[in-house]
Amino acid sequence: MPETWVALATLLALEIVLGIDNIIFITILVGRLPVEQRDLARSLGIGFAMLSRLALLFSLAWIIGMVDPWFSLFEQEFSGRDLVLIGGGLFLLAKATHEIHSSLESVSDGDKPPTGHGGFYATIAQITVLDVVFSLDSVITAVGLVQHISVMVVAIIGAVIVMLFAAKPIGIFVDANPTIKMLALSFLMMIGLTLVAEGFDVHVPKGYIYFAMAFSVMVELLNIRVHRNKKVEPVKLVKHIES
């Protein structure tokens, strides 16, 4: 019994960390929707993340088959998982590049954020595609760590609940700080490159990636605080002179 609780806690922590990718991606896409649609899109995106994880979890035989090589090309073997990771990584790179370009360029008539049902459904579709990619990696990690499906289900649902509560505050913070949004987009590009590399059997330790992301966020938060203090000091000086 103690071993089960330790396994559950470990897997829950890992699932939460792996869910950071989802939160960043959902935050960026949802931020382009009208304000009144964001909460619904965010909830649906995270809900689909949970459903895709559970669906893959209960398809273990199919998951195992996806890990086995399907074909070889130039002496490089490719499995179904490899193809999903490569395709998802390329999609993530393209999407992050497009978002960075949109942020840097002035908003023109043909480059406005998507509005209406078309933009909403297109956003949900993109979130769903990447949910499957992130879920595949997450479920394979869970299967490698824990033997009991019930423990995996509890860990996945727990991680999704944490994502559900964390996504909105993160989204508000990112929208309020454009530099954080650019940093998040660079994270997506890095994650996309990692997915492509893993698709070609080049293992990239995720601990290094998440440490680099956490360190970058800490530095940027310090920069934001410094800039805010610089803005506050002149205001205090003016009030002091006026008084």
C-alpha atoms as a PDB file:
ATOM      1  CA  MET A   1       0.000   0.000   0.000  1.00  0.00           C
ATOM      2  CA  PRO A   2       2.722   2.594   0.802  1.00  0.00           C
ATOM      3  CA  GLU A   3       4.371   1.730  -2.525  1.00  0.00           C
ATOM      4  CA  THR A   4       1.112   2.526  -4.309  1.00  0.00           C
ATOM      5  CA  TRP A   5       0.858   5.949  -2.659  1.00  0.00           C
ATOM      6  CA  VAL A   6       4.483   6.744  -3.514  1.00  0.00           C
ATOM      7  CA  ALA A   7       3.907   5.671  -7.112  1.00  0.00           C
ATOM      8  CA  LEU A   8       0.744   7.791  -7.285  1.00  0.00           C
ATOM      9  CA  ALA A   9       2.483  10.877  -5.888  1.00  0.00           C
ATOM     10  CA  THR A  10       5.446  10.446  -8.255  1.00  0.00           C
ATOM     11  CA  LEU A  11       3.254   9.923 -11.300  1.00  0.00           C
ATOM     12  CA  LEU A  12       0.971  12.841 -10.339  1.00  0.00           C
ATOM     13  CA  ALA A  13       3.976  15.155 -10.088  1.00  0.00           C
ATOM     14  CA  LEU A  14       5.300  13.975 -13.458  1.00  0.00           C
ATOM     15  CA  GLU A  15       1.905  14.354 -15.126  1.00  0.00           C
ATOM     16  CA  ILE A  16       1.623  17.921 -13.797  1.00  0.00           C
ATOM     17  CA  VAL A  17       5.095  18.758 -15.152  1.00  0.00           C
ATOM     18  CA  LEU A  18       4.292  17.169 -18.515  1.00  0.00           C
ATOM     19  CA  GLY A  19       1.045  19.156 -18.549  1.00  0.00           C
ATOM     20  CA  ILE A  20       3.019  22.419 -18.640  1.00  0.00           C
ATOM     21  CA  ASP A  21       3.362  21.940 -22.402  1.00  0.00           C
ATOM     22  CA  ASN A  22      -0.399  21.760 -22.753  1.00  0.00           C
ATOM     23  CA  ILE A  23      -1.010  24.798 -20.564  1.00  0.00           C
ATOM     24  CA  ILE A  24       1.453  26.954 -22.538  1.00  0.00           C
ATOM     25  CA  PHE A  25      -0.016  25.925 -25.875  1.00  0.00           C
ATOM     26  CA  ILE A  26      -3.631  26.374 -24.758  1.00  0.00           C
ATOM     27  CA  THR A  27      -2.804  29.762 -23.197  1.00  0.00           C
ATOM     28  CA  ILE A  28      -1.278  31.074 -26.436  1.00  0.00           C
ATOM     29  CA  LEU A  29      -4.118  29.889 -28.670  1.00  0.00           C
ATOM     30  CA  VAL A  30      -6.942  30.910 -26.337  1.00  0.00           C
ATOM     31  CA  GLY A  31      -5.420  34.378 -25.985  1.00  0.00           C
ATOM     32  CA  ARG A  32      -6.271  35.080 -29.638  1.00  0.00           C
ATOM     33  CA  LEU A  33      -9.994  34.479 -29.083  1.00  0.00           C
ATOM     34  CA  PRO A  34     -12.518  37.085 -27.918  1.00  0.00           C
ATOM     35  CA  VAL A  35     -12.586  37.429 -24.120  1.00  0.00           C
ATOM     36  CA  GLU A  36     -16.058  35.906 -23.787  1.00  0.00           C
ATOM     37  CA  GLN A  37     -14.935  32.683 -25.530  1.00  0.00           C
ATOM     38  CA  ARG A  38     -11.675  32.107 -23.690  1.00  0.00           C
ATOM     39  CA  ASP A  39     -12.952  30.354 -20.568  1.00  0.00           C
ATOM     40  CA  LEU A  40     -14.996  27.865 -22.581  1.00  0.00           C
ATOM     41  CA  ALA A  41     -12.144  27.197 -25.026  1.00  0.00           C
ATOM     42  CA  ARG A  42      -9.705  26.745 -22.137  1.00  0.00           C
ATOM     43  CA  SER A  43     -11.999  24.295 -20.333  1.00  0.00           C
ATOM     44  CA  LEU A  44     -12.711  22.324 -23.512  1.00  0.00           C
ATOM     45  CA  GLY A  45      -9.011  22.158 -24.385  1.00  0.00           C
ATOM     46  CA  ILE A  46      -8.044  20.804 -20.969  1.00  0.00           C
ATOM     47  CA  GLY A  47     -11.048  18.456 -20.989  1.00  0.00           C
ATOM     48  CA  PHE A  48      -9.939  17.035 -24.333  1.00  0.00           C
ATOM     49  CA  ALA A  49      -6.450  16.615 -22.874  1.00  0.00           C
ATOM     50  CA  MET A  50      -7.864  14.429 -20.114  1.00  0.00           C
ATOM     51  CA  LEU A  51     -10.071  12.433 -22.499  1.00  0.00           C
ATOM     52  CA  SER A  52      -7.216  11.793 -24.914  1.00  0.00           C
ATOM     53  CA  ARG A  53      -4.953  10.633 -22.070  1.00  0.00           C
ATOM     54  CA  LEU A  54      -7.588   8.271 -20.691  1.00  0.00           C
ATOM     55  CA  ALA A  55      -8.479   6.965 -24.165  1.00  0.00           C
ATOM     56  CA  LEU A  56      -4.832   6.203 -24.894  1.00  0.00           C
ATOM     57  CA  LEU A  57      -4.401   4.683 -21.447  1.00  0.00           C
ATOM     58  CA  PHE A  58      -7.192   2.194 -22.055  1.00  0.00           C
ATOM     59  CA  SER A  59      -5.681   1.325 -25.444  1.00  0.00           C
ATOM     60  CA  LEU A  60      -2.440  -0.098 -24.057  1.00  0.00           C
ATOM     61  CA  ALA A  61      -2.176  -2.808 -26.724  1.00  0.00           C
ATOM     62  CA  TRP A  62      -2.379  -0.152 -29.424  1.00  0.00           C
ATOM     63  CA  ILE A  63       0.142   2.042 -27.577  1.00  0.00           C
ATOM     64  CA  ILE A  64       2.607  -0.859 -27.369  1.00  0.00           C
ATOM     65  CA  GLY A  65       2.133  -1.444 -31.089  1.00  0.00           C
ATOM     66  CA  MET A  66       2.947   2.195 -31.785  1.00  0.00           C
ATOM     67  CA  VAL A  67       6.288   1.834 -30.011  1.00  0.00           C
ATOM     68  CA  ASP A  68       7.343  -1.080 -32.256  1.00  0.00           C
ATOM     69  CA  PRO A  69       9.112  -0.117 -35.547  1.00  0.00           C
ATOM     70  CA  TRP A  70       6.791   0.268 -38.534  1.00  0.00           C
ATOM     71  CA  PHE A  71       9.364   0.851 -41.287  1.00  0.00           C
ATOM     72  CA  SER A  72      12.984   1.850 -41.904  1.00  0.00           C
ATOM     73  CA  LEU A  73      14.337   4.756 -43.939  1.00  0.00           C
ATOM     74  CA  PHE A  74      18.058   5.326 -44.481  1.00  0.00           C
ATOM     75  CA  GLU A  75      18.799   2.779 -41.731  1.00  0.00           C
ATOM     76  CA  GLN A  76      16.568   4.727 -39.338  1.00  0.00           C
ATOM     77  CA  GLU A  77      13.608   2.840 -37.870  1.00  0.00           C
ATOM     78  CA  PHE A  78      10.336   4.712 -37.359  1.00  0.00           C
ATOM     79  CA  SER A  79       7.439   3.657 -35.151  1.00  0.00           C
ATOM     80  CA  GLY A  80       3.930   5.090 -34.966  1.00  0.00           C
ATOM     81  CA  ARG A  81       4.972   7.054 -31.906  1.00  0.00           C
ATOM     82  CA  ASP A  82       7.928   8.525 -33.813  1.00  0.00           C
ATOM     83  CA  LEU A  83       5.663   9.701 -36.639  1.00  0.00           C
ATOM     84  CA  VAL A  84       3.212  11.286 -34.191  1.00  0.00           C
ATOM     85  CA  LEU A  85       6.027  13.077 -32.358  1.00  0.00           C
ATOM     86  CA  ILE A  86       7.644  14.324 -35.583  1.00  0.00           C
ATOM     87  CA  GLY A  87       4.318  15.520 -36.999  1.00  0.00           C
ATOM     88  CA  GLY A  88       3.321  17.157 -33.717  1.00  0.00           C
ATOM     89  CA  GLY A  89       6.731  18.771 -33.322  1.00  0.00           C
ATOM     90  CA  LEU A  90       6.634  20.248 -36.835  1.00  0.00           C
ATOM     91  CA  PHE A  91       3.088  21.510 -36.240  1.00  0.00           C
ATOM     92  CA  LEU A  92       4.186  23.106 -32.969  1.00  0.00           C
ATOM     93  CA  LEU A  93       7.195  24.753 -34.642  1.00  0.00           C
ATOM     94  CA  ALA A  94       5.020  26.123 -37.447  1.00  0.00           C
ATOM     95  CA  LYS A  95       2.362  27.386 -35.030  1.00  0.00           C
ATOM     96  CA  ALA A  96       4.871  29.035 -32.675  1.00  0.00           C
ATOM     97  CA  THR A  97       6.676  30.672 -35.608  1.00  0.00           C
ATOM     98  CA  HIS A  98       3.379  32.014 -36.957  1.00  0.00           C
ATOM     99  CA  GLU A  99       2.406  33.390 -33.529  1.00  0.00           C
ATOM    100  CA  ILE A 100       5.804  35.085 -33.110  1.00  0.00           C
ATOM    101  CA  HIS A 101       5.487  36.613 -36.581  1.00  0.00           C
ATOM    102  CA  SER A 102       1.965  37.841 -35.764  1.00  0.00           C
ATOM    103  CA  SER A 103       3.202  39.379 -32.499  1.00  0.00           C
ATOM    104  CA  LEU A 104       6.108  41.181 -34.168  1.00  0.00           C
ATOM    105  CA  GLU A 105       4.202  42.481 -37.192  1.00  0.00           C
ATOM    106  CA  SER A 106       1.535  45.152 -36.921  1.00  0.00           C
ATOM    107  CA  VAL A 107      -2.000  43.753 -36.977  1.00  0.00           C
ATOM    108  CA  SER A 108      -3.464  44.166 -40.460  1.00  0.00           C
ATOM    109  CA  ASP A 109      -6.921  43.350 -41.792  1.00  0.00           C
ATOM    110  CA  GLY A 110      -5.811  39.910 -42.914  1.00  0.00           C
ATOM    111  CA  ASP A 111      -3.967  39.137 -39.715  1.00  0.00           C
ATOM    112  CA  LYS A 112      -6.561  39.821 -37.044  1.00  0.00           C
ATOM    113  CA  PRO A 113      -7.219  37.321 -34.258  1.00  0.00           C
ATOM    114  CA  PRO A 114      -9.879  34.761 -35.197  1.00  0.00           C
ATOM    115  CA  THR A 115     -13.377  35.706 -34.163  1.00  0.00           C
ATOM    116  CA  GLY A 116     -16.790  34.035 -34.221  1.00  0.00           C
ATOM    117  CA  HIS A 117     -17.531  30.335 -34.322  1.00  0.00           C
ATOM    118  CA  GLY A 118     -15.006  29.680 -37.118  1.00  0.00           C
ATOM    119  CA  GLY A 119     -12.101  30.975 -35.066  1.00  0.00           C
ATOM    120  CA  PHE A 120     -13.369  29.234 -31.947  1.00  0.00           C
ATOM    121  CA  TYR A 121     -13.706  25.813 -33.580  1.00  0.00           C
ATOM    122  CA  ALA A 122     -10.384  26.193 -35.401  1.00  0.00           C
ATOM    123  CA  THR A 123      -8.698  26.922 -32.070  1.00  0.00           C
ATOM    124  CA  ILE A 124     -10.324  23.898 -30.411  1.00  0.00           C
ATOM    125  CA  ALA A 125      -9.249  21.708 -33.359  1.00  0.00           C
ATOM    126  CA  GLN A 126      -5.612  22.839 -33.023  1.00  0.00           C
ATOM    127  CA  ILE A 127      -5.667  22.257 -29.270  1.00  0.00           C
ATOM    128  CA  THR A 128      -7.114  18.768 -29.799  1.00  0.00           C
ATOM    129  CA  VAL A 129      -4.373  17.810 -32.281  1.00  0.00           C
ATOM    130  CA  LEU A 130      -1.601  18.783 -29.873  1.00  0.00           C
ATOM    131  CA  ASP A 131      -3.450  17.207 -26.947  1.00  0.00           C
ATOM    132  CA  VAL A 132      -3.050  13.836 -28.670  1.00  0.00           C
ATOM    133  CA  VAL A 133       0.682  14.410 -29.211  1.00  0.00           C
ATOM    134  CA  PHE A 134       1.332  15.482 -25.617  1.00  0.00           C
ATOM    135  CA  SER A 135      -0.949  12.741 -24.275  1.00  0.00           C
ATOM    136  CA  LEU A 136       0.957  10.008 -26.117  1.00  0.00           C
ATOM    137  CA  ASP A 137       4.212  10.960 -24.425  1.00  0.00           C
ATOM    138  CA  SER A 138       2.454  11.354 -21.071  1.00  0.00           C
ATOM    139  CA  VAL A 139       0.754   7.943 -21.215  1.00  0.00           C
ATOM    140  CA  ILE A 140       3.925   6.148 -22.294  1.00  0.00           C
ATOM    141  CA  THR A 141       5.671   7.701 -19.280  1.00  0.00           C
ATOM    142  CA  ALA A 142       2.827   6.560 -17.000  1.00  0.00           C
ATOM    143  CA  VAL A 143       2.890   3.005 -18.343  1.00  0.00           C
ATOM    144  CA  GLY A 144       6.637   2.823 -17.776  1.00  0.00           C
ATOM    145  CA  LEU A 145       6.351   3.920 -14.147  1.00  0.00           C
ATOM    146  CA  VAL A 146       3.198   2.279 -12.784  1.00  0.00           C
ATOM    147  CA  GLN A 147       1.639  -1.151 -13.307  1.00  0.00           C
ATOM    148  CA  HIS A 148      -1.907  -0.431 -12.082  1.00  0.00           C
ATOM    149  CA  ILE A 149      -4.242   1.355 -14.478  1.00  0.00           C
ATOM    150  CA  SER A 150      -6.324   2.708 -11.572  1.00  0.00           C
ATOM    151  CA  VAL A 151      -3.268   4.583 -10.258  1.00  0.00           C
ATOM    152  CA  MET A 152      -2.605   6.004 -13.737  1.00  0.00           C
ATOM    153  CA  VAL A 153      -6.220   7.161 -14.078  1.00  0.00           C
ATOM    154  CA  VAL A 154      -6.179   8.916 -10.680  1.00  0.00           C
ATOM    155  CA  ALA A 155      -2.852  10.608 -11.488  1.00  0.00           C
ATOM    156  CA  ILE A 156      -4.043  11.793 -14.910  1.00  0.00           C
ATOM    157  CA  ILE A 157      -7.343  13.151 -13.568  1.00  0.00           C
ATOM    158  CA  GLY A 158      -5.517  14.855 -10.679  1.00  0.00           C
ATOM    159  CA  ALA A 159      -3.030  16.475 -13.053  1.00  0.00           C
ATOM    160  CA  VAL A 160      -5.827  17.705 -15.326  1.00  0.00           C
ATOM    161  CA  ILE A 161      -7.652  19.248 -12.342  1.00  0.00           C
ATOM    162  CA  VAL A 162      -4.462  21.131 -11.443  1.00  0.00           C
ATOM    163  CA  MET A 163      -4.153  22.263 -15.081  1.00  0.00           C
ATOM    164  CA  LEU A 164      -7.780  23.432 -15.028  1.00  0.00           C
ATOM    165  CA  PHE A 165      -7.191  25.706 -12.035  1.00  0.00           C
ATOM    166  CA  ALA A 166      -3.754  26.900 -13.179  1.00  0.00           C
ATOM    167  CA  ALA A 167      -4.564  27.646 -16.827  1.00  0.00           C
ATOM    168  CA  LYS A 168      -6.683  30.787 -16.322  1.00  0.00           C
ATOM    169  CA  PRO A 169      -4.295  32.631 -13.938  1.00  0.00           C
ATOM    170  CA  ILE A 170      -1.408  31.755 -16.245  1.00  0.00           C
ATOM    171  CA  GLY A 171      -3.404  32.998 -19.242  1.00  0.00           C
ATOM    172  CA  ILE A 172      -4.236  36.301 -17.540  1.00  0.00           C
ATOM    173  CA  PHE A 173      -0.609  36.800 -16.541  1.00  0.00           C
ATOM    174  CA  VAL A 174       0.668  36.017 -20.052  1.00  0.00           C
ATOM    175  CA  ASP A 175      -1.859  38.402 -21.652  1.00  0.00           C
ATOM    176  CA  ALA A 176      -0.814  41.169 -19.259  1.00  0.00           C
ATOM    177  CA  ASN A 177       2.900  40.697 -19.995  1.00  0.00           C
ATOM    178  CA  PRO A 178       3.795  40.524 -23.722  1.00  0.00           C
ATOM    179  CA  THR A 179       7.403  39.566 -22.947  1.00  0.00           C
ATOM    180  CA  ILE A 180       6.168  36.483 -21.083  1.00  0.00           C
ATOM    181  CA  LYS A 181       4.067  35.562 -24.127  1.00  0.00           C
ATOM    182  CA  MET A 182       7.147  35.770 -26.360  1.00  0.00           C
ATOM    183  CA  LEU A 183       9.044  33.643 -23.858  1.00  0.00           C
ATOM    184  CA  ALA A 184       6.203  31.095 -23.874  1.00  0.00           C
ATOM    185  CA  LEU A 185       6.292  30.967 -27.676  1.00  0.00           C
ATOM    186  CA  SER A 186      10.025  30.305 -27.563  1.00  0.00           C
ATOM    187  CA  PHE A 187       9.296  27.465 -25.127  1.00  0.00           C
ATOM    188  CA  LEU A 188       6.848  26.011 -27.639  1.00  0.00           C
ATOM    189  CA  MET A 189       9.519  26.125 -30.326  1.00  0.00           C
ATOM    190  CA  MET A 190      11.953  24.377 -28.016  1.00  0.00           C
ATOM    191  CA  ILE A 191       9.347  21.718 -27.172  1.00  0.00           C
ATOM    192  CA  GLY A 192       8.607  21.282 -30.882  1.00  0.00           C
ATOM    193  CA  LEU A 193      12.302  20.728 -31.630  1.00  0.00           C
ATOM    194  CA  THR A 194      12.453  18.243 -28.768  1.00  0.00           C
ATOM    195  CA  LEU A 195       9.487  16.288 -30.129  1.00  0.00           C
ATOM    196  CA  VAL A 196      11.068  16.108 -33.594  1.00  0.00           C
ATOM    197  CA  ALA A 197      14.400  15.009 -32.090  1.00  0.00           C
ATOM    198  CA  GLU A 198      12.699  12.265 -30.069  1.00  0.00           C
ATOM    199  CA  GLY A 199      10.892  11.153 -33.206  1.00  0.00           C
ATOM    200  CA  PHE A 200      14.347  10.482 -34.676  1.00  0.00           C
ATOM    201  CA  ASP A 201      15.361   8.553 -31.523  1.00  0.00           C
ATOM    202  CA  VAL A 202      17.521  11.378 -30.185  1.00  0.00           C
ATOM    203  CA  HIS A 203      16.728  11.413 -26.466  1.00  0.00           C
ATOM    204  CA  VAL A 204      16.645  14.873 -24.909  1.00  0.00           C
ATOM    205  CA  PRO A 205      16.401  14.823 -21.076  1.00  0.00           C
ATOM    206  CA  LYS A 206      13.246  16.750 -20.231  1.00  0.00           C
ATOM    207  CA  GLY A 207      14.671  17.725 -16.854  1.00  0.00           C
ATOM    208  CA  TYR A 208      17.145  20.038 -18.596  1.00  0.00           C
ATOM    209  CA  ILE A 209      14.381  21.591 -20.684  1.00  0.00           C
ATOM    210  CA  TYR A 210      12.054  22.258 -17.756  1.00  0.00           C
ATOM    211  CA  PHE A 211      14.946  23.638 -15.683  1.00  0.00           C
ATOM    212  CA  ALA A 212      15.852  26.016 -18.526  1.00  0.00           C
ATOM    213  CA  MET A 213      12.199  27.076 -18.820  1.00  0.00           C
ATOM    214  CA  ALA A 214      11.874  27.672 -15.071  1.00  0.00           C
ATOM    215  CA  PHE A 215      15.157  29.620 -14.958  1.00  0.00           C
ATOM    216  CA  SER A 216      14.111  31.793 -17.932  1.00  0.00           C
ATOM    217  CA  VAL A 217      10.758  32.557 -16.308  1.00  0.00           C
ATOM    218  CA  MET A 218      12.457  33.534 -13.038  1.00  0.00           C
ATOM    219  CA  VAL A 219      14.811  35.909 -14.864  1.00  0.00           C
ATOM    220  CA  GLU A 220      11.917  37.453 -16.799  1.00  0.00           C
ATOM    221  CA  LEU A 221       9.877  37.910 -13.607  1.00  0.00           C
ATOM    222  CA  LEU A 222      12.824  39.772 -12.078  1.00  0.00           C
ATOM    223  CA  ASN A 223      13.017  41.965 -15.207  1.00  0.00           C
ATOM    224  CA  ILE A 224       9.290  42.731 -14.967  1.00  0.00           C
ATOM    225  CA  ARG A 225       9.648  43.700 -11.305  1.00  0.00           C
ATOM    226  CA  VAL A 226      12.639  45.949 -12.049  1.00  0.00           C
ATOM    227  CA  HIS A 227      10.721  47.762 -14.821  1.00  0.00           C
ATOM    228  CA  ARG A 228       7.708  48.236 -12.560  1.00  0.00           C
ATOM    229  CA  ASN A 229       9.890  49.699  -9.822  1.00  0.00           C
ATOM    230  CA  LYS A 230      11.431  52.132 -12.322  1.00  0.00           C
ATOM    231  CA  LYS A 231       7.941  53.293 -13.309  1.00  0.00           C
ATOM    232  CA  VAL A 232       6.832  53.704  -9.695  1.00  0.00           C
ATOM    233  CA  GLU A 233       9.880  55.747  -8.565  1.00  0.00           C
ATOM    234  CA  PRO A 234       9.231  58.783 -10.864  1.00  0.00           C
ATOM    235  CA  VAL A 235       5.584  58.840  -9.750  1.00  0.00           C
ATOM    236  CA  LYS A 236       6.659  58.911  -6.080  1.00  0.00           C
ATOM    237  CA  LEU A 237       9.171  61.652  -6.851  1.00  0.00           C
ATOM    238  CA  VAL A 238       6.532  63.822  -8.572  1.00  0.00           C
ATOM    239  CA  LYS A 239       4.105  63.396  -5.654  1.00  0.00           C
ATOM    240  CA  HIS A 240       6.884  64.274  -3.206  1.00  0.00           C
ATOM    241  CA  ILE A 241       7.717  67.477  -5.148  1.00  0.00           C
ATOM    242  CA  GLU A 242       4.054  68.460  -5.397  1.00  0.00           C
ATOM    243  CA  SER A 243       3.577  67.982  -1.676  1.00  0.00           C
END
